[in-house]
Amino acid sequence: MFRLGNLGFLSLFGSIVILLLQTITYLLNKDFTWKKLRFADIIDPQYYNWLDNITLFNFNSIANCVLNMPLFVLLFCLTIFFFILSGIFAKGYGV
């Protein structure tokens, strides 16, 4: 539980930092447009081009959705996922 909870807090911290940095940049620059930081912007396209060839259960459309969603939303989703896993695998409850 401890490690999964820490991963949840770490992803929550990362998403808040991204949002705060974007907000501060917006407040300092009047002509700033909100930049969508995506997971696809971080990694090189050669590492995820193979996802377009997968035809199993529309997995390629799901993977493209995850790759193109804003990074802070992806980190919020990971936060929720890790907190749920932390609650499921918590030791000492209900025993």
PDB file of N, CA and C in Angstrom:
ATOM      1  N   MET A   1       0.823  -1.196   0.000  1.00  0.00           N
ATOM      2  CA  MET A   1       0.000   0.000   0.000  1.00  0.00           C
ATOM      3  C   MET A   1       0.864   1.255   0.000  1.00  0.00           C
ATOM      4  N   PHE A   2       1.943   1.197   0.742  1.00  0.00           N
ATOM      5  CA  PHE A   2       2.783   2.373   0.900  1.00  0.00           C
ATOM      6  C   PHE A   2       3.373   2.822  -0.429  1.00  0.00           C
ATOM      7  N   ARG A   3       3.844   1.900  -1.230  1.00  0.00           N
ATOM      8  CA  ARG A   3       4.451   2.261  -2.500  1.00  0.00           C
ATOM      9  C   ARG A   3       3.413   2.758  -3.493  1.00  0.00           C
ATOM     10  N   LEU A   4       2.262   2.123  -3.539  1.00  0.00           N
ATOM     11  CA  LEU A   4       1.222   2.565  -4.464  1.00  0.00           C
ATOM     12  C   LEU A   4       0.683   3.935  -4.071  1.00  0.00           C
ATOM     13  N   GLY A   5       0.556   4.173  -2.785  1.00  0.00           N
ATOM     14  CA  GLY A   5       0.122   5.485  -2.320  1.00  0.00           C
ATOM     15  C   GLY A   5       1.137   6.561  -2.652  1.00  0.00           C
ATOM     16  N   ASN A   6       2.414   6.210  -2.505  1.00  0.00           N
ATOM     17  CA  ASN A   6       3.461   7.172  -2.862  1.00  0.00           C
ATOM     18  C   ASN A   6       3.460   7.482  -4.354  1.00  0.00           C
ATOM     19  N   LEU A   7       3.237   6.473  -5.180  1.00  0.00           N
ATOM     20  CA  LEU A   7       3.150   6.715  -6.619  1.00  0.00           C
ATOM     21  C   LEU A   7       1.951   7.610  -6.940  1.00  0.00           C
ATOM     22  N   GLY A   8       0.853   7.417  -6.219  1.00  0.00           N
ATOM     23  CA  GLY A   8      -0.315   8.273  -6.411  1.00  0.00           C
ATOM     24  C   GLY A   8      -0.025   9.713  -6.045  1.00  0.00           C
ATOM     25  N   PHE A   9       0.632   9.911  -4.913  1.00  0.00           N
ATOM     26  CA  PHE A   9       0.979  11.275  -4.510  1.00  0.00           C
ATOM     27  C   PHE A   9       2.000  11.901  -5.453  1.00  0.00           C
ATOM     28  N   LEU A  10       2.922  11.105  -5.961  1.00  0.00           N
ATOM     29  CA  LEU A  10       3.920  11.620  -6.892  1.00  0.00           C
ATOM     30  C   LEU A  10       3.276  12.060  -8.214  1.00  0.00           C
ATOM     31  N   SER A  11       2.344  11.280  -8.730  1.00  0.00           N
ATOM     32  CA  SER A  11       1.670  11.680  -9.968  1.00  0.00           C
ATOM     33  C   SER A  11       0.750  12.874  -9.730  1.00  0.00           C
ATOM     34  N   LEU A  12       0.138  12.958  -8.557  1.00  0.00           N
ATOM     35  CA  LEU A  12      -0.675  14.124  -8.235  1.00  0.00           C
ATOM     36  C   LEU A  12       0.191  15.379  -8.144  1.00  0.00           C
ATOM     37  N   PHE A  13       1.345  15.256  -7.516  1.00  0.00           N
ATOM     38  CA  PHE A  13       2.270  16.378  -7.416  1.00  0.00           C
ATOM     39  C   PHE A  13       2.740  16.827  -8.797  1.00  0.00           C
ATOM     40  N   GLY A  14       3.035  15.867  -9.675  1.00  0.00           N
ATOM     41  CA  GLY A  14       3.463  16.206 -11.028  1.00  0.00           C
ATOM     42  C   GLY A  14       2.399  16.940 -11.807  1.00  0.00           C
ATOM     43  N   SER A  15       1.157  16.510 -11.691  1.00  0.00           N
ATOM     44  CA  SER A  15       0.080  17.176 -12.428  1.00  0.00           C
ATOM     45  C   SER A  15      -0.184  18.580 -11.880  1.00  0.00           C
ATOM     46  N   ILE A  16      -0.078  18.748 -10.575  1.00  0.00           N
ATOM     47  CA  ILE A  16      -0.273  20.081  -9.987  1.00  0.00           C
ATOM     48  C   ILE A  16       0.858  21.017 -10.403  1.00  0.00           C
ATOM     49  N   VAL A  17       2.088  20.501 -10.448  1.00  0.00           N
ATOM     50  CA  VAL A  17       3.218  21.319 -10.878  1.00  0.00           C
ATOM     51  C   VAL A  17       3.041  21.762 -12.331  1.00  0.00           C
ATOM     52  N   ILE A  18       2.600  20.861 -13.190  1.00  0.00           N
ATOM     53  CA  ILE A  18       2.370  21.227 -14.590  1.00  0.00           C
ATOM     54  C   ILE A  18       1.304  22.309 -14.691  1.00  0.00           C
ATOM     55  N   LEU A  19       0.215  22.156 -13.966  1.00  0.00           N
ATOM     56  CA  LEU A  19      -0.847  23.165 -14.004  1.00  0.00           C
ATOM     57  C   LEU A  19      -0.378  24.501 -13.448  1.00  0.00           C
ATOM     58  N   LEU A  20       0.388  24.477 -12.360  1.00  0.00           N
ATOM     59  CA  LEU A  20       0.884  25.735 -11.778  1.00  0.00           C
ATOM     60  C   LEU A  20       1.856  26.448 -12.715  1.00  0.00           C
ATOM     61  N   LEU A  21       2.752  25.702 -13.347  1.00  0.00           N
ATOM     62  CA  LEU A  21       3.691  26.321 -14.270  1.00  0.00           C
ATOM     63  C   LEU A  21       2.980  26.914 -15.480  1.00  0.00           C
ATOM     64  N   GLN A  22       1.966  26.219 -15.983  1.00  0.00           N
ATOM     65  CA  GLN A  22       1.193  26.758 -17.100  1.00  0.00           C
ATOM     66  C   GLN A  22       0.443  28.021 -16.675  1.00  0.00           C
ATOM     67  N   THR A  23      -0.105  28.021 -15.470  1.00  0.00           N
ATOM     68  CA  THR A  23      -0.849  29.182 -14.980  1.00  0.00           C
ATOM     69  C   THR A  23       0.073  30.376 -14.759  1.00  0.00           C
ATOM     70  N   ILE A  24       1.235  30.144 -14.172  1.00  0.00           N
ATOM     71  CA  ILE A  24       2.183  31.232 -13.954  1.00  0.00           C
ATOM     72  C   ILE A  24       2.643  31.814 -15.285  1.00  0.00           C
ATOM     73  N   THR A  25       2.899  30.963 -16.261  1.00  0.00           N
ATOM     74  CA  THR A  25       3.305  31.440 -17.581  1.00  0.00           C
ATOM     75  C   THR A  25       2.194  32.251 -18.224  1.00  0.00           C
ATOM     76  N   TYR A  26       0.945  31.817 -18.035  1.00  0.00           N
ATOM     77  CA  TYR A  26      -0.190  32.556 -18.576  1.00  0.00           C
ATOM     78  C   TYR A  26      -0.312  33.930 -17.914  1.00  0.00           C
ATOM     79  N   LEU A  27      -0.101  34.000 -16.610  1.00  0.00           N
ATOM     80  CA  LEU A  27      -0.227  35.272 -15.908  1.00  0.00           C
ATOM     81  C   LEU A  27       0.899  36.246 -16.252  1.00  0.00           C
ATOM     82  N   LEU A  28       2.081  35.734 -16.546  1.00  0.00           N
ATOM     83  CA  LEU A  28       3.209  36.605 -16.866  1.00  0.00           C
ATOM     84  C   LEU A  28       3.182  37.113 -18.303  1.00  0.00           C
ATOM     85  N   ASN A  29       2.669  36.320 -19.220  1.00  0.00           N
ATOM     86  CA  ASN A  29       2.624  36.701 -20.634  1.00  0.00           C
ATOM     87  C   ASN A  29       1.181  36.916 -21.052  1.00  0.00           C
ATOM     88  N   LYS A  30       0.879  38.073 -21.564  1.00  0.00           N
ATOM     89  CA  LYS A  30      -0.499  38.358 -21.973  1.00  0.00           C
ATOM     90  C   LYS A  30      -0.869  37.663 -23.282  1.00  0.00           C
ATOM     91  N   ASP A  31       0.125  37.407 -24.141  1.00  0.00           N
ATOM     92  CA  ASP A  31      -0.176  36.767 -25.420  1.00  0.00           C
ATOM     93  C   ASP A  31       0.061  35.258 -25.380  1.00  0.00           C
ATOM     94  N   PHE A  32       0.072  34.684 -24.209  1.00  0.00           N
ATOM     95  CA  PHE A  32       0.337  33.259 -24.049  1.00  0.00           C
ATOM     96  C   PHE A  32      -0.899  32.444 -24.431  1.00  0.00           C
ATOM     97  N   THR A  33      -0.693  31.401 -25.202  1.00  0.00           N
ATOM     98  CA  THR A  33      -1.766  30.442 -25.470  1.00  0.00           C
ATOM     99  C   THR A  33      -1.470  29.181 -24.663  1.00  0.00           C
ATOM    100  N   TRP A  34      -2.519  28.573 -24.153  1.00  0.00           N
ATOM    101  CA  TRP A  34      -2.370  27.404 -23.310  1.00  0.00           C
ATOM    102  C   TRP A  34      -1.780  26.274 -24.147  1.00  0.00           C
ATOM    103  N   LYS A  35      -0.631  25.777 -23.740  1.00  0.00           N
ATOM    104  CA  LYS A  35       0.056  24.738 -24.483  1.00  0.00           C
ATOM    105  C   LYS A  35      -0.347  23.379 -23.926  1.00  0.00           C
ATOM    106  N   LYS A  36      -0.815  22.532 -24.825  1.00  0.00           N
ATOM    107  CA  LYS A  36      -1.175  21.189 -24.410  1.00  0.00           C
ATOM    108  C   LYS A  36       0.068  20.314 -24.397  1.00  0.00           C
ATOM    109  N   LEU A  37       0.569  20.035 -23.222  1.00  0.00           N
ATOM    110  CA  LEU A  37       1.684  19.110 -23.092  1.00  0.00           C
ATOM    111  C   LEU A  37       1.117  17.703 -23.130  1.00  0.00           C
ATOM    112  N   ARG A  38       1.570  16.925 -24.101  1.00  0.00           N
ATOM    113  CA  ARG A  38       1.065  15.575 -24.277  1.00  0.00           C
ATOM    114  C   ARG A  38       2.175  14.574 -24.008  1.00  0.00           C
ATOM    115  N   PHE A  39       1.779  13.344 -23.733  1.00  0.00           N
ATOM    116  CA  PHE A  39       2.746  12.274 -23.538  1.00  0.00           C
ATOM    117  C   PHE A  39       3.489  11.999 -24.845  1.00  0.00           C
ATOM    118  N   ALA A  40       2.811  12.200 -25.974  1.00  0.00           N
ATOM    119  CA  ALA A  40       3.434  11.996 -27.276  1.00  0.00           C
ATOM    120  C   ALA A  40       4.512  13.034 -27.549  1.00  0.00           C
ATOM    121  N   ASP A  41       4.454  14.191 -26.900  1.00  0.00           N
ATOM    122  CA  ASP A  41       5.492  15.209 -27.067  1.00  0.00           C
ATOM    123  C   ASP A  41       6.781  14.846 -26.330  1.00  0.00           C
ATOM    124  N   ILE A  42       6.665  13.999 -25.332  1.00  0.00           N
ATOM    125  CA  ILE A  42       7.818  13.658 -24.501  1.00  0.00           C
ATOM    126  C   ILE A  42       8.661  12.557 -25.150  1.00  0.00           C
ATOM    127  N   ILE A  43       7.988  11.537 -25.683  1.00  0.00           N
ATOM    128  CA  ILE A  43       8.732  10.405 -26.237  1.00  0.00           C
ATOM    129  C   ILE A  43       8.852  10.534 -27.748  1.00  0.00           C
ATOM    130  N   ASP A  44       9.839   9.879 -28.301  1.00  0.00           N
ATOM    131  CA  ASP A  44      10.115   9.918 -29.734  1.00  0.00           C
ATOM    132  C   ASP A  44       9.066   9.071 -30.475  1.00  0.00           C
ATOM    133  N   PRO A  45       8.570   9.542 -31.630  1.00  0.00           N
ATOM    134  CA  PRO A  45       7.535   8.797 -32.352  1.00  0.00           C
ATOM    135  C   PRO A  45       7.935   7.379 -32.759  1.00  0.00           C
ATOM    136  N   GLN A  46       9.209   7.099 -32.877  1.00  0.00           N
ATOM    137  CA  GLN A  46       9.611   5.749 -33.267  1.00  0.00           C
ATOM    138  C   GLN A  46       9.232   4.710 -32.216  1.00  0.00           C
ATOM    139  N   TYR A  47       9.000   5.159 -30.970  1.00  0.00           N
ATOM    140  CA  TYR A  47       8.661   4.230 -29.904  1.00  0.00           C
ATOM    141  C   TYR A  47       7.174   3.924 -29.812  1.00  0.00           C
ATOM    142  N   TYR A  48       6.329   4.696 -30.465  1.00  0.00           N
ATOM    143  CA  TYR A  48       4.898   4.412 -30.400  1.00  0.00           C
ATOM    144  C   TYR A  48       4.234   4.300 -31.765  1.00  0.00           C
ATOM    145  N   ASN A  49       4.984   4.300 -32.848  1.00  0.00           N
ATOM    146  CA  ASN A  49       4.388   4.120 -34.174  1.00  0.00           C
ATOM    147  C   ASN A  49       3.843   2.714 -34.371  1.00  0.00           C
ATOM    148  N   TRP A  50       4.358   1.731 -33.670  1.00  0.00           N
ATOM    149  CA  TRP A  50       3.893   0.365 -33.805  1.00  0.00           C
ATOM    150  C   TRP A  50       2.469   0.200 -33.269  1.00  0.00           C
ATOM    151  N   LEU A  51       1.991   1.142 -32.480  1.00  0.00           N
ATOM    152  CA  LEU A  51       0.639   1.029 -31.925  1.00  0.00           C
ATOM    153  C   LEU A  51      -0.439   1.135 -32.998  1.00  0.00           C
ATOM    154  N   ASP A  52      -0.133   1.785 -34.133  1.00  0.00           N
ATOM    155  CA  ASP A  52      -1.122   1.911 -35.199  1.00  0.00           C
ATOM    156  C   ASP A  52      -1.389   0.590 -35.904  1.00  0.00           C
ATOM    157  N   ASN A  53      -0.511  -0.381 -35.780  1.00  0.00           N
ATOM    158  CA  ASN A  53      -0.677  -1.667 -36.453  1.00  0.00           C
ATOM    159  C   ASN A  53      -1.488  -2.666 -35.637  1.00  0.00           C
ATOM    160  N   ILE A  54      -1.827  -2.346 -34.421  1.00  0.00           N
ATOM    161  CA  ILE A  54      -2.584  -3.265 -33.574  1.00  0.00           C
ATOM    162  C   ILE A  54      -4.070  -3.151 -33.910  1.00  0.00           C
ATOM    163  N   THR A  55      -4.710  -4.274 -34.139  1.00  0.00           N
ATOM    164  CA  THR A  55      -6.131  -4.278 -34.482  1.00  0.00           C
ATOM    165  C   THR A  55      -6.987  -4.976 -33.429  1.00  0.00           C
ATOM    166  N   LEU A  56      -6.416  -5.365 -32.338  1.00  0.00           N
ATOM    167  CA  LEU A  56      -7.124  -6.111 -31.302  1.00  0.00           C
ATOM    168  C   LEU A  56      -8.012  -5.197 -30.470  1.00  0.00           C
ATOM    169  N   PHE A  57      -9.319  -5.350 -30.583  1.00  0.00           N
ATOM    170  CA  PHE A  57     -10.312  -4.640 -29.773  1.00  0.00           C
ATOM    171  C   PHE A  57     -10.154  -3.122 -29.806  1.00  0.00           C
ATOM    172  N   ASN A  58      -9.809  -2.551 -30.932  1.00  0.00           N
ATOM    173  CA  ASN A  58      -9.604  -1.103 -31.073  1.00  0.00           C
ATOM    174  C   ASN A  58      -8.572  -0.572 -30.090  1.00  0.00           C
ATOM    175  N   PHE A  59      -7.583  -1.379 -29.799  1.00  0.00           N
ATOM    176  CA  PHE A  59      -6.541  -0.964 -28.862  1.00  0.00           C
ATOM    177  C   PHE A  59      -5.765   0.229 -29.385  1.00  0.00           C
ATOM    178  N   ASN A  60      -5.624   0.324 -30.715  1.00  0.00           N
ATOM    179  CA  ASN A  60      -4.859   1.441 -31.269  1.00  0.00           C
ATOM    180  C   ASN A  60      -5.565   2.776 -31.046  1.00  0.00           C
ATOM    181  N   SER A  61      -6.890   2.805 -31.096  1.00  0.00           N
ATOM    182  CA  SER A  61      -7.590   4.072 -30.830  1.00  0.00           C
ATOM    183  C   SER A  61      -7.511   4.452 -29.351  1.00  0.00           C
ATOM    184  N   ILE A  62      -7.535   3.467 -28.476  1.00  0.00           N
ATOM    185  CA  ILE A  62      -7.389   3.743 -27.046  1.00  0.00           C
ATOM    186  C   ILE A  62      -5.982   4.250 -26.751  1.00  0.00           C
ATOM    187  N   ALA A  63      -4.976   3.622 -27.363  1.00  0.00           N
ATOM    188  CA  ALA A  63      -3.592   4.052 -27.148  1.00  0.00           C
ATOM    189  C   ALA A  63      -3.363   5.448 -27.720  1.00  0.00           C
ATOM    190  N   ASN A  64      -3.952   5.762 -28.868  1.00  0.00           N
ATOM    191  CA  ASN A  64      -3.825   7.107 -29.432  1.00  0.00           C
ATOM    192  C   ASN A  64      -4.497   8.145 -28.543  1.00  0.00           C
ATOM    193  N   CYS A  65      -5.606   7.773 -27.939  1.00  0.00           N
ATOM    194  CA  CYS A  65      -6.285   8.683 -27.016  1.00  0.00           C
ATOM    195  C   CYS A  65      -5.408   8.980 -25.803  1.00  0.00           C
ATOM    196  N   VAL A  66      -4.770   7.948 -25.253  1.00  0.00           N
ATOM    197  CA  VAL A  66      -3.894   8.129 -24.092  1.00  0.00           C
ATOM    198  C   VAL A  66      -2.666   8.944 -24.470  1.00  0.00           C
ATOM    199  N   LEU A  67      -2.104   8.691 -25.650  1.00  0.00           N
ATOM    200  CA  LEU A  67      -0.918   9.423 -26.074  1.00  0.00           C
ATOM    201  C   LEU A  67      -1.203  10.893 -26.343  1.00  0.00           C
ATOM    202  N   ASN A  68      -2.420  11.222 -26.771  1.00  0.00           N
ATOM    203  CA  ASN A  68      -2.729  12.593 -27.166  1.00  0.00           C
ATOM    204  C   ASN A  68      -3.491  13.391 -26.121  1.00  0.00           C
ATOM    205  N   MET A  69      -3.822  12.781 -24.991  1.00  0.00           N
ATOM    206  CA  MET A  69      -4.490  13.564 -23.954  1.00  0.00           C
ATOM    207  C   MET A  69      -3.459  14.431 -23.236  1.00  0.00           C
ATOM    208  N   PRO A  70      -3.901  15.555 -22.674  1.00  0.00           N
ATOM    209  CA  PRO A  70      -2.951  16.414 -21.945  1.00  0.00           C
ATOM    210  C   PRO A  70      -2.280  15.657 -20.806  1.00  0.00           C
ATOM    211  N   LEU A  71      -1.040  16.001 -20.555  1.00  0.00           N
ATOM    212  CA  LEU A  71      -0.236  15.262 -19.580  1.00  0.00           C
ATOM    213  C   LEU A  71      -0.788  15.388 -18.165  1.00  0.00           C
ATOM    214  N   PHE A  72      -1.328  16.549 -17.806  1.00  0.00           N
ATOM    215  CA  PHE A  72      -1.848  16.678 -16.439  1.00  0.00           C
ATOM    216  C   PHE A  72      -3.099  15.826 -16.245  1.00  0.00           C
ATOM    217  N   VAL A  73      -3.889  15.632 -17.299  1.00  0.00           N
ATOM    218  CA  VAL A  73      -5.063  14.757 -17.197  1.00  0.00           C
ATOM    219  C   VAL A  73      -4.623  13.307 -17.055  1.00  0.00           C
ATOM    220  N   LEU A  74      -3.598  12.923 -17.809  1.00  0.00           N
ATOM    221  CA  LEU A  74      -3.059  11.569 -17.701  1.00  0.00           C
ATOM    222  C   LEU A  74      -2.513  11.311 -16.300  1.00  0.00           C
ATOM    223  N   LEU A  75      -1.835  12.298 -15.728  1.00  0.00           N
ATOM    224  CA  LEU A  75      -1.303  12.138 -14.375  1.00  0.00           C
ATOM    225  C   LEU A  75      -2.413  12.093 -13.329  1.00  0.00           C
ATOM    226  N   PHE A  76      -3.495  12.855 -13.527  1.00  0.00           N
ATOM    227  CA  PHE A  76      -4.643  12.764 -12.623  1.00  0.00           C
ATOM    228  C   PHE A  76      -5.276  11.375 -12.691  1.00  0.00           C
ATOM    229  N   CYS A  77      -5.387  10.827 -13.897  1.00  0.00           N
ATOM    230  CA  CYS A  77      -5.938   9.474 -14.044  1.00  0.00           C
ATOM    231  C   CYS A  77      -5.039   8.441 -13.379  1.00  0.00           C
ATOM    232  N   LEU A  78      -3.737   8.598 -13.518  1.00  0.00           N
ATOM    233  CA  LEU A  78      -2.813   7.700 -12.829  1.00  0.00           C
ATOM    234  C   LEU A  78      -2.919   7.834 -11.317  1.00  0.00           C
ATOM    235  N   THR A  79      -3.151   9.046 -10.834  1.00  0.00           N
ATOM    236  CA  THR A  79      -3.336   9.266  -9.405  1.00  0.00           C
ATOM    237  C   THR A  79      -4.530   8.480  -8.887  1.00  0.00           C
ATOM    238  N   ILE A  80      -5.641   8.586  -9.582  1.00  0.00           N
ATOM    239  CA  ILE A  80      -6.845   7.858  -9.179  1.00  0.00           C
ATOM    240  C   ILE A  80      -6.613   6.357  -9.232  1.00  0.00           C
ATOM    241  N   PHE A  81      -5.946   5.892 -10.295  1.00  0.00           N
ATOM    242  CA  PHE A  81      -5.661   4.465 -10.448  1.00  0.00           C
ATOM    243  C   PHE A  81      -4.785   3.952  -9.298  1.00  0.00           C
ATOM    244  N   PHE A  82      -3.732   4.674  -8.952  1.00  0.00           N
ATOM    245  CA  PHE A  82      -2.849   4.223  -7.878  1.00  0.00           C
ATOM    246  C   PHE A  82      -3.524   4.284  -6.518  1.00  0.00           C
ATOM    247  N   PHE A  83      -4.375   5.276  -6.288  1.00  0.00           N
ATOM    248  CA  PHE A  83      -5.084   5.327  -5.012  1.00  0.00           C
ATOM    249  C   PHE A  83      -6.098   4.191  -4.893  1.00  0.00           C
ATOM    250  N   ILE A  84      -6.746   3.828  -5.982  1.00  0.00           N
ATOM    251  CA  ILE A  84      -7.675   2.691  -5.944  1.00  0.00           C
ATOM    252  C   ILE A  84      -6.911   1.399  -5.681  1.00  0.00           C
ATOM    253  N   LEU A  85      -5.799   1.202  -6.373  1.00  0.00           N
ATOM    254  CA  LEU A  85      -4.986   0.012  -6.126  1.00  0.00           C
ATOM    255  C   LEU A  85      -4.447  -0.003  -4.699  1.00  0.00           C
ATOM    256  N   SER A  86      -4.079   1.139  -4.186  1.00  0.00           N
ATOM    257  CA  SER A  86      -3.596   1.227  -2.817  1.00  0.00           C
ATOM    258  C   SER A  86      -4.694   0.832  -1.826  1.00  0.00           C
ATOM    259  N   GLY A  87      -5.912   1.238  -2.110  1.00  0.00           N
ATOM    260  CA  GLY A  87      -7.019   0.865  -1.239  1.00  0.00           C
ATOM    261  C   GLY A  87      -7.372  -0.612  -1.325  1.00  0.00           C
ATOM    262  N   ILE A  88      -7.223  -1.193  -2.518  1.00  0.00           N
ATOM    263  CA  ILE A  88      -7.535  -2.611  -2.680  1.00  0.00           C
ATOM    264  C   ILE A  88      -6.511  -3.488  -1.990  1.00  0.00           C
ATOM    265  N   PHE A  89      -5.252  -3.154  -2.167  1.00  0.00           N
ATOM    266  CA  PHE A  89      -4.188  -3.994  -1.637  1.00  0.00           C
ATOM    267  C   PHE A  89      -3.679  -3.539  -0.279  1.00  0.00           C
ATOM    268  N   ALA A  90      -4.466  -2.734   0.423  1.00  0.00           N
ATOM    269  CA  ALA A  90      -4.067  -2.271   1.753  1.00  0.00           C
ATOM    270  C   ALA A  90      -4.061  -3.445   2.717  1.00  0.00           C
ATOM    271  N   LYS A  91      -3.063  -3.489   3.538  1.00  0.00           N
ATOM    272  CA  LYS A  91      -2.955  -4.585   4.512  1.00  0.00           C
ATOM    273  C   LYS A  91      -3.489  -4.111   5.858  1.00  0.00           C
ATOM    274  N   GLY A  92      -4.190  -5.008   6.537  1.00  0.00           N
ATOM    275  CA  GLY A  92      -4.670  -4.700   7.866  1.00  0.00           C
ATOM    276  C   GLY A  92      -6.118  -4.260   7.919  1.00  0.00           C
ATOM    277  N   TYR A  93      -6.804  -4.157   6.795  1.00  0.00           N
ATOM    278  CA  TYR A  93      -8.205  -3.759   6.803  1.00  0.00           C
ATOM    279  C   TYR A  93      -9.086  -4.979   6.547  1.00  0.00           C
ATOM    280  N   GLY A  94     -10.077  -5.129   7.371  1.00  0.00           N
ATOM    281  CA  GLY A  94     -11.059  -6.194   7.194  1.00  0.00           C
ATOM    282  C   GLY A  94     -10.545  -7.580   7.551  1.00  0.00           C
ATOM    283  N   VAL A  95      -9.469  -7.664   8.303  1.00  0.00           N
ATOM    284  CA  VAL A  95      -8.931  -8.983   8.651  1.00  0.00           C
ATOM    285  C   VAL A  95      -9.271  -9.278  10.077  1.00  0.00           C
TER     286      VAL A  95
END
